[in-house]
Amino acid sequence: NFALGAVDDPELTAAVSRDLARQL
């Protein structure tokens, strides 16, 4: 999370969590 917050691009954050959801 801290890395995603450092980038501060909510669309990137959503893409990362969507990719995690794919795996789970």
mmCIF file of all heavy atoms, coordinates in Angstrom:
data_MODEL
# 
_entry.id   MODEL 
# 
loop_
_atom_site.group_PDB 
_atom_site.id 
_atom_site.type_symbol 
_atom_site.label_atom_id 
_atom_site.label_alt_id 
_atom_site.label_comp_id 
_atom_site.label_asym_id 
_atom_site.label_entity_id 
_atom_site.label_seq_id 
_atom_site.pdbx_PDB_ins_code 
_atom_site.Cartn_x 
_atom_site.Cartn_y 
_atom_site.Cartn_z 
_atom_site.occupancy 
_atom_site.B_iso_or_equiv 
_atom_site.pdbx_formal_charge 
_atom_site.auth_seq_id 
_atom_site.auth_comp_id 
_atom_site.auth_asym_id 
_atom_site.auth_atom_id 
_atom_site.pdbx_PDB_model_num 
ATOM 1   N N   . ASN A 1 1  ? 0.796   -1.221  0.000   1.00 0.00 ? 1  ASN A N   1 
ATOM 2   C CA  . ASN A 1 1  ? 0.000   0.000   0.000   1.00 0.00 ? 1  ASN A CA  1 
ATOM 3   C C   . ASN A 1 1  ? 0.832   1.276   0.000   1.00 0.00 ? 1  ASN A C   1 
ATOM 4   O O   . ASN A 1 1  ? 0.500   2.247   -0.686  1.00 0.00 ? 1  ASN A O   1 
ATOM 5   C CB  . ASN A 1 1  ? -0.932  0.009   1.219   1.00 0.00 ? 1  ASN A CB  1 
ATOM 6   C CG  . ASN A 1 1  ? -2.081  -0.959  1.078   1.00 0.00 ? 1  ASN A CG  1 
ATOM 7   O OD1 . ASN A 1 1  ? -2.217  -1.637  0.066   1.00 0.00 ? 1  ASN A OD1 1 
ATOM 8   N ND2 . ASN A 1 1  ? -2.913  -1.033  2.097   1.00 0.00 ? 1  ASN A ND2 1 
ATOM 9   N N   . PHE A 1 2  ? 1.902   1.333   0.790   1.00 0.00 ? 2  PHE A N   1 
ATOM 10  C CA  . PHE A 1 2  ? 2.657   2.577   0.881   1.00 0.00 ? 2  PHE A CA  1 
ATOM 11  C C   . PHE A 1 2  ? 3.283   2.927   -0.459  1.00 0.00 ? 2  PHE A C   1 
ATOM 12  O O   . PHE A 1 2  ? 3.372   4.106   -0.827  1.00 0.00 ? 2  PHE A O   1 
ATOM 13  C CB  . PHE A 1 2  ? 3.730   2.483   1.966   1.00 0.00 ? 2  PHE A CB  1 
ATOM 14  C CG  . PHE A 1 2  ? 4.028   3.796   2.633   1.00 0.00 ? 2  PHE A CG  1 
ATOM 15  C CD1 . PHE A 1 2  ? 3.278   4.226   3.710   1.00 0.00 ? 2  PHE A CD1 1 
ATOM 16  C CD2 . PHE A 1 2  ? 5.048   4.614   2.170   1.00 0.00 ? 2  PHE A CD2 1 
ATOM 17  C CE1 . PHE A 1 2  ? 3.536   5.447   4.326   1.00 0.00 ? 2  PHE A CE1 1 
ATOM 18  C CE2 . PHE A 1 2  ? 5.309   5.835   2.777   1.00 0.00 ? 2  PHE A CE2 1 
ATOM 19  C CZ  . PHE A 1 2  ? 4.560   6.254   3.853   1.00 0.00 ? 2  PHE A CZ  1 
ATOM 20  N N   . ALA A 1 3  ? 3.707   1.914   -1.195  1.00 0.00 ? 3  ALA A N   1 
ATOM 21  C CA  . ALA A 1 3  ? 4.257   2.155   -2.527  1.00 0.00 ? 3  ALA A CA  1 
ATOM 22  C C   . ALA A 1 3  ? 3.185   2.704   -3.460  1.00 0.00 ? 3  ALA A C   1 
ATOM 23  O O   . ALA A 1 3  ? 3.428   3.629   -4.239  1.00 0.00 ? 3  ALA A O   1 
ATOM 24  C CB  . ALA A 1 3  ? 4.846   0.859   -3.085  1.00 0.00 ? 3  ALA A CB  1 
ATOM 25  N N   . LEU A 1 4  ? 1.987   2.129   -3.391  1.00 0.00 ? 4  LEU A N   1 
ATOM 26  C CA  . LEU A 1 4  ? 0.896   2.621   -4.241  1.00 0.00 ? 4  LEU A CA  1 
ATOM 27  C C   . LEU A 1 4  ? 0.528   4.045   -3.855  1.00 0.00 ? 4  LEU A C   1 
ATOM 28  O O   . LEU A 1 4  ? 0.248   4.881   -4.729  1.00 0.00 ? 4  LEU A O   1 
ATOM 29  C CB  . LEU A 1 4  ? -0.304  1.696   -4.118  1.00 0.00 ? 4  LEU A CB  1 
ATOM 30  C CG  . LEU A 1 4  ? -0.096  0.278   -4.671  1.00 0.00 ? 4  LEU A CG  1 
ATOM 31  C CD1 . LEU A 1 4  ? -1.281  -0.617  -4.306  1.00 0.00 ? 4  LEU A CD1 1 
ATOM 32  C CD2 . LEU A 1 4  ? 0.112   0.297   -6.177  1.00 0.00 ? 4  LEU A CD2 1 
ATOM 33  N N   . GLY A 1 5  ? 0.518   4.333   -2.572  1.00 0.00 ? 5  GLY A N   1 
ATOM 34  C CA  . GLY A 1 5  ? 0.237   5.693   -2.138  1.00 0.00 ? 5  GLY A CA  1 
ATOM 35  C C   . GLY A 1 5  ? 1.308   6.664   -2.592  1.00 0.00 ? 5  GLY A C   1 
ATOM 36  O O   . GLY A 1 5  ? 1.026   7.830   -2.903  1.00 0.00 ? 5  GLY A O   1 
ATOM 37  N N   . ALA A 1 6  ? 2.572   6.218   -2.633  1.00 0.00 ? 6  ALA A N   1 
ATOM 38  C CA  . ALA A 1 6  ? 3.665   7.081   -3.084  1.00 0.00 ? 6  ALA A CA  1 
ATOM 39  C C   . ALA A 1 6  ? 3.506   7.445   -4.555  1.00 0.00 ? 6  ALA A C   1 
ATOM 40  O O   . ALA A 1 6  ? 3.768   8.579   -4.962  1.00 0.00 ? 6  ALA A O   1 
ATOM 41  C CB  . ALA A 1 6  ? 5.007   6.394   -2.843  1.00 0.00 ? 6  ALA A CB  1 
ATOM 42  N N   . VAL A 1 7  ? 3.080   6.495   -5.371  1.00 0.00 ? 7  VAL A N   1 
ATOM 43  C CA  . VAL A 1 7  ? 2.811   6.777   -6.783  1.00 0.00 ? 7  VAL A CA  1 
ATOM 44  C C   . VAL A 1 7  ? 1.608   7.712   -6.896  1.00 0.00 ? 7  VAL A C   1 
ATOM 45  O O   . VAL A 1 7  ? 1.560   8.608   -7.740  1.00 0.00 ? 7  VAL A O   1 
ATOM 46  C CB  . VAL A 1 7  ? 2.567   5.477   -7.565  1.00 0.00 ? 7  VAL A CB  1 
ATOM 47  C CG1 . VAL A 1 7  ? 2.226   5.770   -9.021  1.00 0.00 ? 7  VAL A CG1 1 
ATOM 48  C CG2 . VAL A 1 7  ? 3.796   4.560   -7.490  1.00 0.00 ? 7  VAL A CG2 1 
ATOM 49  N N   . ASP A 1 8  ? 0.620   7.469   -6.048  1.00 0.00 ? 8  ASP A N   1 
ATOM 50  C CA  . ASP A 1 8  ? -0.599  8.286   -5.956  1.00 0.00 ? 8  ASP A CA  1 
ATOM 51  C C   . ASP A 1 8  ? -1.366  8.338   -7.273  1.00 0.00 ? 8  ASP A C   1 
ATOM 52  O O   . ASP A 1 8  ? -1.806  9.403   -7.717  1.00 0.00 ? 8  ASP A O   1 
ATOM 53  C CB  . ASP A 1 8  ? -0.279  9.695   -5.463  1.00 0.00 ? 8  ASP A CB  1 
ATOM 54  C CG  . ASP A 1 8  ? -1.505  10.403  -4.870  1.00 0.00 ? 8  ASP A CG  1 
ATOM 55  O OD1 . ASP A 1 8  ? -2.517  9.715   -4.613  1.00 0.00 ? 8  ASP A OD1 1 
ATOM 56  O OD2 . ASP A 1 8  ? -1.445  11.630  -4.679  1.00 0.00 ? 8  ASP A OD2 1 
ATOM 57  N N   . ASP A 1 9  ? -1.539  7.173   -7.858  1.00 0.00 ? 9  ASP A N   1 
ATOM 58  C CA  . ASP A 1 9  ? -2.366  7.020   -9.064  1.00 0.00 ? 9  ASP A CA  1 
ATOM 59  C C   . ASP A 1 9  ? -3.472  6.019   -8.724  1.00 0.00 ? 9  ASP A C   1 
ATOM 60  O O   . ASP A 1 9  ? -3.240  4.808   -8.770  1.00 0.00 ? 9  ASP A O   1 
ATOM 61  C CB  . ASP A 1 9  ? -1.506  6.512   -10.219 1.00 0.00 ? 9  ASP A CB  1 
ATOM 62  C CG  . ASP A 1 9  ? -2.299  6.283   -11.501 1.00 0.00 ? 9  ASP A CG  1 
ATOM 63  O OD1 . ASP A 1 9  ? -3.541  6.388   -11.476 1.00 0.00 ? 9  ASP A OD1 1 
ATOM 64  O OD2 . ASP A 1 9  ? -1.671  5.979   -12.540 1.00 0.00 ? 9  ASP A OD2 1 
ATOM 65  N N   . PRO A 1 10 ? -4.667  6.478   -8.356  1.00 0.00 ? 10 PRO A N   1 
ATOM 66  C CA  . PRO A 1 10 ? -5.723  5.545   -7.945  1.00 0.00 ? 10 PRO A CA  1 
ATOM 67  C C   . PRO A 1 10 ? -6.062  4.499   -9.010  1.00 0.00 ? 10 PRO A C   1 
ATOM 68  O O   . PRO A 1 10 ? -6.431  3.377   -8.657  1.00 0.00 ? 10 PRO A O   1 
ATOM 69  C CB  . PRO A 1 10 ? -6.917  6.467   -7.669  1.00 0.00 ? 10 PRO A CB  1 
ATOM 70  C CG  . PRO A 1 10 ? -6.289  7.765   -7.273  1.00 0.00 ? 10 PRO A CG  1 
ATOM 71  C CD  . PRO A 1 10 ? -5.082  7.886   -8.158  1.00 0.00 ? 10 PRO A CD  1 
ATOM 72  N N   . GLU A 1 11 ? -5.912  4.839   -10.277 1.00 0.00 ? 11 GLU A N   1 
ATOM 73  C CA  . GLU A 1 11 ? -6.184  3.844   -11.316 1.00 0.00 ? 11 GLU A CA  1 
ATOM 74  C C   . GLU A 1 11 ? -5.167  2.715   -11.274 1.00 0.00 ? 11 GLU A C   1 
ATOM 75  O O   . GLU A 1 11 ? -5.500  1.553   -11.519 1.00 0.00 ? 11 GLU A O   1 
ATOM 76  C CB  . GLU A 1 11 ? -6.191  4.517   -12.695 1.00 0.00 ? 11 GLU A CB  1 
ATOM 77  C CG  . GLU A 1 11 ? -7.370  5.456   -12.901 1.00 0.00 ? 11 GLU A CG  1 
ATOM 78  C CD  . GLU A 1 11 ? -8.706  4.762   -12.651 1.00 0.00 ? 11 GLU A CD  1 
ATOM 79  O OE1 . GLU A 1 11 ? -8.903  3.643   -13.156 1.00 0.00 ? 11 GLU A OE1 1 
ATOM 80  O OE2 . GLU A 1 11 ? -9.546  5.328   -11.926 1.00 0.00 ? 11 GLU A OE2 1 
ATOM 81  N N   . LEU A 1 12 ? -3.916  3.042   -10.963 1.00 0.00 ? 12 LEU A N   1 
ATOM 82  C CA  . LEU A 1 12 ? -2.902  2.004   -10.803 1.00 0.00 ? 12 LEU A CA  1 
ATOM 83  C C   . LEU A 1 12 ? -3.230  1.131   -9.597  1.00 0.00 ? 12 LEU A C   1 
ATOM 84  O O   . LEU A 1 12 ? -3.116  -0.101  -9.659  1.00 0.00 ? 12 LEU A O   1 
ATOM 85  C CB  . LEU A 1 12 ? -1.522  2.637   -10.636 1.00 0.00 ? 12 LEU A CB  1 
ATOM 86  C CG  . LEU A 1 12 ? -0.365  1.658   -10.414 1.00 0.00 ? 12 LEU A CG  1 
ATOM 87  C CD1 . LEU A 1 12 ? -0.123  0.820   -11.657 1.00 0.00 ? 12 LEU A CD1 1 
ATOM 88  C CD2 . LEU A 1 12 ? 0.904   2.408   -10.011 1.00 0.00 ? 12 LEU A CD2 1 
ATOM 89  N N   . THR A 1 13 ? -3.628  1.762   -8.500  1.00 0.00 ? 13 THR A N   1 
ATOM 90  C CA  . THR A 1 13 ? -4.019  1.005   -7.310  1.00 0.00 ? 13 THR A CA  1 
ATOM 91  C C   . THR A 1 13 ? -5.152  0.039   -7.630  1.00 0.00 ? 13 THR A C   1 
ATOM 92  O O   . THR A 1 13 ? -5.115  -1.137  -7.230  1.00 0.00 ? 13 THR A O   1 
ATOM 93  C CB  . THR A 1 13 ? -4.434  1.970   -6.185  1.00 0.00 ? 13 THR A CB  1 
ATOM 94  O OG1 . THR A 1 13 ? -3.299  2.750   -5.805  1.00 0.00 ? 13 THR A OG1 1 
ATOM 95  C CG2 . THR A 1 13 ? -4.965  1.224   -4.970  1.00 0.00 ? 13 THR A CG2 1 
ATOM 96  N N   . ALA A 1 14 ? -6.160  0.512   -8.350  1.00 0.00 ? 14 ALA A N   1 
ATOM 97  C CA  . ALA A 1 14 ? -7.281  -0.350  -8.725  1.00 0.00 ? 14 ALA A CA  1 
ATOM 98  C C   . ALA A 1 14 ? -6.814  -1.485  -9.625  1.00 0.00 ? 14 ALA A C   1 
ATOM 99  O O   . ALA A 1 14 ? -7.282  -2.623  -9.495  1.00 0.00 ? 14 ALA A O   1 
ATOM 100 C CB  . ALA A 1 14 ? -8.364  0.472   -9.416  1.00 0.00 ? 14 ALA A CB  1 
ATOM 101 N N   . ALA A 1 15 ? -5.888  -1.216  -10.530 1.00 0.00 ? 15 ALA A N   1 
ATOM 102 C CA  . ALA A 1 15 ? -5.387  -2.257  -11.427 1.00 0.00 ? 15 ALA A CA  1 
ATOM 103 C C   . ALA A 1 15 ? -4.623  -3.329  -10.656 1.00 0.00 ? 15 ALA A C   1 
ATOM 104 O O   . ALA A 1 15 ? -4.737  -4.530  -10.946 1.00 0.00 ? 15 ALA A O   1 
ATOM 105 C CB  . ALA A 1 15 ? -4.496  -1.638  -12.502 1.00 0.00 ? 15 ALA A CB  1 
ATOM 106 N N   . VAL A 1 16 ? -3.841  -2.903  -9.652  1.00 0.00 ? 16 VAL A N   1 
ATOM 107 C CA  . VAL A 1 16 ? -3.090  -3.866  -8.846  1.00 0.00 ? 16 VAL A CA  1 
ATOM 108 C C   . VAL A 1 16 ? -4.041  -4.744  -8.039  1.00 0.00 ? 16 VAL A C   1 
ATOM 109 O O   . VAL A 1 16 ? -3.882  -5.976  -7.974  1.00 0.00 ? 16 VAL A O   1 
ATOM 110 C CB  . VAL A 1 16 ? -2.088  -3.135  -7.930  1.00 0.00 ? 16 VAL A CB  1 
ATOM 111 C CG1 . VAL A 1 16 ? -1.508  -4.090  -6.892  1.00 0.00 ? 16 VAL A CG1 1 
ATOM 112 C CG2 . VAL A 1 16 ? -0.973  -2.512  -8.758  1.00 0.00 ? 16 VAL A CG2 1 
ATOM 113 N N   . SER A 1 17 ? -5.045  -4.131  -7.404  1.00 0.00 ? 17 SER A N   1 
ATOM 114 C CA  . SER A 1 17 ? -5.970  -4.940  -6.604  1.00 0.00 ? 17 SER A CA  1 
ATOM 115 C C   . SER A 1 17 ? -6.843  -5.818  -7.492  1.00 0.00 ? 17 SER A C   1 
ATOM 116 O O   . SER A 1 17 ? -7.225  -6.932  -7.098  1.00 0.00 ? 17 SER A O   1 
ATOM 117 C CB  . SER A 1 17 ? -6.829  -4.060  -5.700  1.00 0.00 ? 17 SER A CB  1 
ATOM 118 O OG  . SER A 1 17 ? -7.683  -3.216  -6.434  1.00 0.00 ? 17 SER A OG  1 
ATOM 119 N N   . ARG A 1 18 ? -7.144  -5.368  -8.690  1.00 0.00 ? 18 ARG A N   1 
ATOM 120 C CA  . ARG A 1 18 ? -7.901  -6.201  -9.629  1.00 0.00 ? 18 ARG A CA  1 
ATOM 121 C C   . ARG A 1 18 ? -7.069  -7.423  -10.043 1.00 0.00 ? 18 ARG A C   1 
ATOM 122 O O   . ARG A 1 18 ? -7.590  -8.534  -10.167 1.00 0.00 ? 18 ARG A O   1 
ATOM 123 C CB  . ARG A 1 18 ? -8.293  -5.381  -10.860 1.00 0.00 ? 18 ARG A CB  1 
ATOM 124 C CG  . ARG A 1 18 ? -9.272  -6.092  -11.791 1.00 0.00 ? 18 ARG A CG  1 
ATOM 125 C CD  . ARG A 1 18 ? -9.656  -5.200  -12.974 1.00 0.00 ? 18 ARG A CD  1 
ATOM 126 N NE  . ARG A 1 18 ? -10.185 -3.922  -12.519 1.00 0.00 ? 18 ARG A NE  1 
ATOM 127 C CZ  . ARG A 1 18 ? -9.590  -2.752  -12.718 1.00 0.00 ? 18 ARG A CZ  1 
ATOM 128 N NH1 . ARG A 1 18 ? -8.428  -2.686  -13.357 1.00 0.00 ? 18 ARG A NH1 1 
ATOM 129 N NH2 . ARG A 1 18 ? -10.147 -1.639  -12.274 1.00 0.00 ? 18 ARG A NH2 1 
ATOM 130 N N   . ASP A 1 19 ? -5.770  -7.217  -10.218 1.00 0.00 ? 19 ASP A N   1 
ATOM 131 C CA  . ASP A 1 19 ? -4.889  -8.338  -10.557 1.00 0.00 ? 19 ASP A CA  1 
ATOM 132 C C   . ASP A 1 19 ? -4.796  -9.318  -9.393  1.00 0.00 ? 19 ASP A C   1 
ATOM 133 O O   . ASP A 1 19 ? -4.768  -10.545 -9.595  1.00 0.00 ? 19 ASP A O   1 
ATOM 134 C CB  . ASP A 1 19 ? -3.506  -7.808  -10.925 1.00 0.00 ? 19 ASP A CB  1 
ATOM 135 C CG  . ASP A 1 19 ? -2.566  -8.910  -11.378 1.00 0.00 ? 19 ASP A CG  1 
ATOM 136 O OD1 . ASP A 1 19 ? -2.865  -9.559  -12.405 1.00 0.00 ? 19 ASP A OD1 1 
ATOM 137 O OD2 . ASP A 1 19 ? -1.542  -9.138  -10.706 1.00 0.00 ? 19 ASP A OD2 1 
ATOM 138 N N   . LEU A 1 20 ? -4.758  -8.805  -8.173  1.00 0.00 ? 20 LEU A N   1 
ATOM 139 C CA  . LEU A 1 20 ? -4.786  -9.687  -7.005  1.00 0.00 ? 20 LEU A CA  1 
ATOM 140 C C   . LEU A 1 20 ? -6.085  -10.475 -6.971  1.00 0.00 ? 20 LEU A C   1 
ATOM 141 O O   . LEU A 1 20 ? -6.085  -11.692 -6.703  1.00 0.00 ? 20 LEU A O   1 
ATOM 142 C CB  . LEU A 1 20 ? -4.634  -8.864  -5.723  1.00 0.00 ? 20 LEU A CB  1 
ATOM 143 C CG  . LEU A 1 20 ? -4.842  -9.628  -4.418  1.00 0.00 ? 20 LEU A CG  1 
ATOM 144 C CD1 . LEU A 1 20 ? -3.776  -10.697 -4.245  1.00 0.00 ? 20 LEU A CD1 1 
ATOM 145 C CD2 . LEU A 1 20 ? -4.855  -8.678  -3.225  1.00 0.00 ? 20 LEU A CD2 1 
ATOM 146 N N   . ALA A 1 21 ? -7.194  -9.808  -7.244  1.00 0.00 ? 21 ALA A N   1 
ATOM 147 C CA  . ALA A 1 21 ? -8.490  -10.493 -7.247  1.00 0.00 ? 21 ALA A CA  1 
ATOM 148 C C   . ALA A 1 21 ? -8.502  -11.625 -8.265  1.00 0.00 ? 21 ALA A C   1 
ATOM 149 O O   . ALA A 1 21 ? -9.063  -12.700 -8.007  1.00 0.00 ? 21 ALA A O   1 
ATOM 150 C CB  . ALA A 1 21 ? -9.611  -9.500  -7.545  1.00 0.00 ? 21 ALA A CB  1 
ATOM 151 N N   . ARG A 1 22 ? -7.889  -11.381 -9.417  1.00 0.00 ? 22 ARG A N   1 
ATOM 152 C CA  . ARG A 1 22 ? -7.812  -12.443 -10.429 1.00 0.00 ? 22 ARG A CA  1 
ATOM 153 C C   . ARG A 1 22 ? -7.154  -13.685 -9.841  1.00 0.00 ? 22 ARG A C   1 
ATOM 154 O O   . ARG A 1 22 ? -7.636  -14.808 -10.000 1.00 0.00 ? 22 ARG A O   1 
ATOM 155 C CB  . ARG A 1 22 ? -7.020  -11.936 -11.634 1.00 0.00 ? 22 ARG A CB  1 
ATOM 156 C CG  . ARG A 1 22 ? -6.692  -12.997 -12.657 1.00 0.00 ? 22 ARG A CG  1 
ATOM 157 C CD  . ARG A 1 22 ? -5.483  -12.612 -13.483 1.00 0.00 ? 22 ARG A CD  1 
ATOM 158 N NE  . ARG A 1 22 ? -4.309  -12.288 -12.684 1.00 0.00 ? 22 ARG A NE  1 
ATOM 159 C CZ  . ARG A 1 22 ? -3.542  -13.191 -12.075 1.00 0.00 ? 22 ARG A CZ  1 
ATOM 160 N NH1 . ARG A 1 22 ? -3.834  -14.491 -12.163 1.00 0.00 ? 22 ARG A NH1 1 
ATOM 161 N NH2 . ARG A 1 22 ? -2.502  -12.829 -11.364 1.00 0.00 ? 22 ARG A NH2 1 
ATOM 162 N N   . GLN A 1 23 ? -6.049  -13.493 -9.132  1.00 0.00 ? 23 GLN A N   1 
ATOM 163 C CA  . GLN A 1 23 ? -5.326  -14.613 -8.544  1.00 0.00 ? 23 GLN A CA  1 
ATOM 164 C C   . GLN A 1 23 ? -6.143  -15.297 -7.445  1.00 0.00 ? 23 GLN A C   1 
ATOM 165 O O   . GLN A 1 23 ? -6.226  -16.535 -7.388  1.00 0.00 ? 23 GLN A O   1 
ATOM 166 C CB  . GLN A 1 23 ? -3.988  -14.123 -7.992  1.00 0.00 ? 23 GLN A CB  1 
ATOM 167 C CG  . GLN A 1 23 ? -3.090  -15.213 -7.443  1.00 0.00 ? 23 GLN A CG  1 
ATOM 168 C CD  . GLN A 1 23 ? -1.775  -14.660 -6.932  1.00 0.00 ? 23 GLN A CD  1 
ATOM 169 O OE1 . GLN A 1 23 ? -1.665  -13.463 -6.620  1.00 0.00 ? 23 GLN A OE1 1 
ATOM 170 N NE2 . GLN A 1 23 ? -0.757  -15.508 -6.836  1.00 0.00 ? 23 GLN A NE2 1 
ATOM 171 N N   . LEU A 1 24 ? -6.745  -14.497 -6.567  1.00 0.00 ? 24 LEU A N   1 
ATOM 172 C CA  . LEU A 1 24 ? -7.530  -15.071 -5.473  1.00 0.00 ? 24 LEU A CA  1 
ATOM 173 C C   . LEU A 1 24 ? -8.789  -15.754 -5.993  1.00 0.00 ? 24 LEU A C   1 
ATOM 174 O O   . LEU A 1 24 ? -9.181  -16.822 -5.506  1.00 0.00 ? 24 LEU A O   1 
ATOM 175 C CB  . LEU A 1 24 ? -7.899  -13.979 -4.465  1.00 0.00 ? 24 LEU A CB  1 
ATOM 176 C CG  . LEU A 1 24 ? -6.741  -13.283 -3.748  1.00 0.00 ? 24 LEU A CG  1 
ATOM 177 C CD1 . LEU A 1 24 ? -7.276  -12.228 -2.784  1.00 0.00 ? 24 LEU A CD1 1 
ATOM 178 C CD2 . LEU A 1 24 ? -5.873  -14.299 -3.009  1.00 0.00 ? 24 LEU A CD2 1 
# 
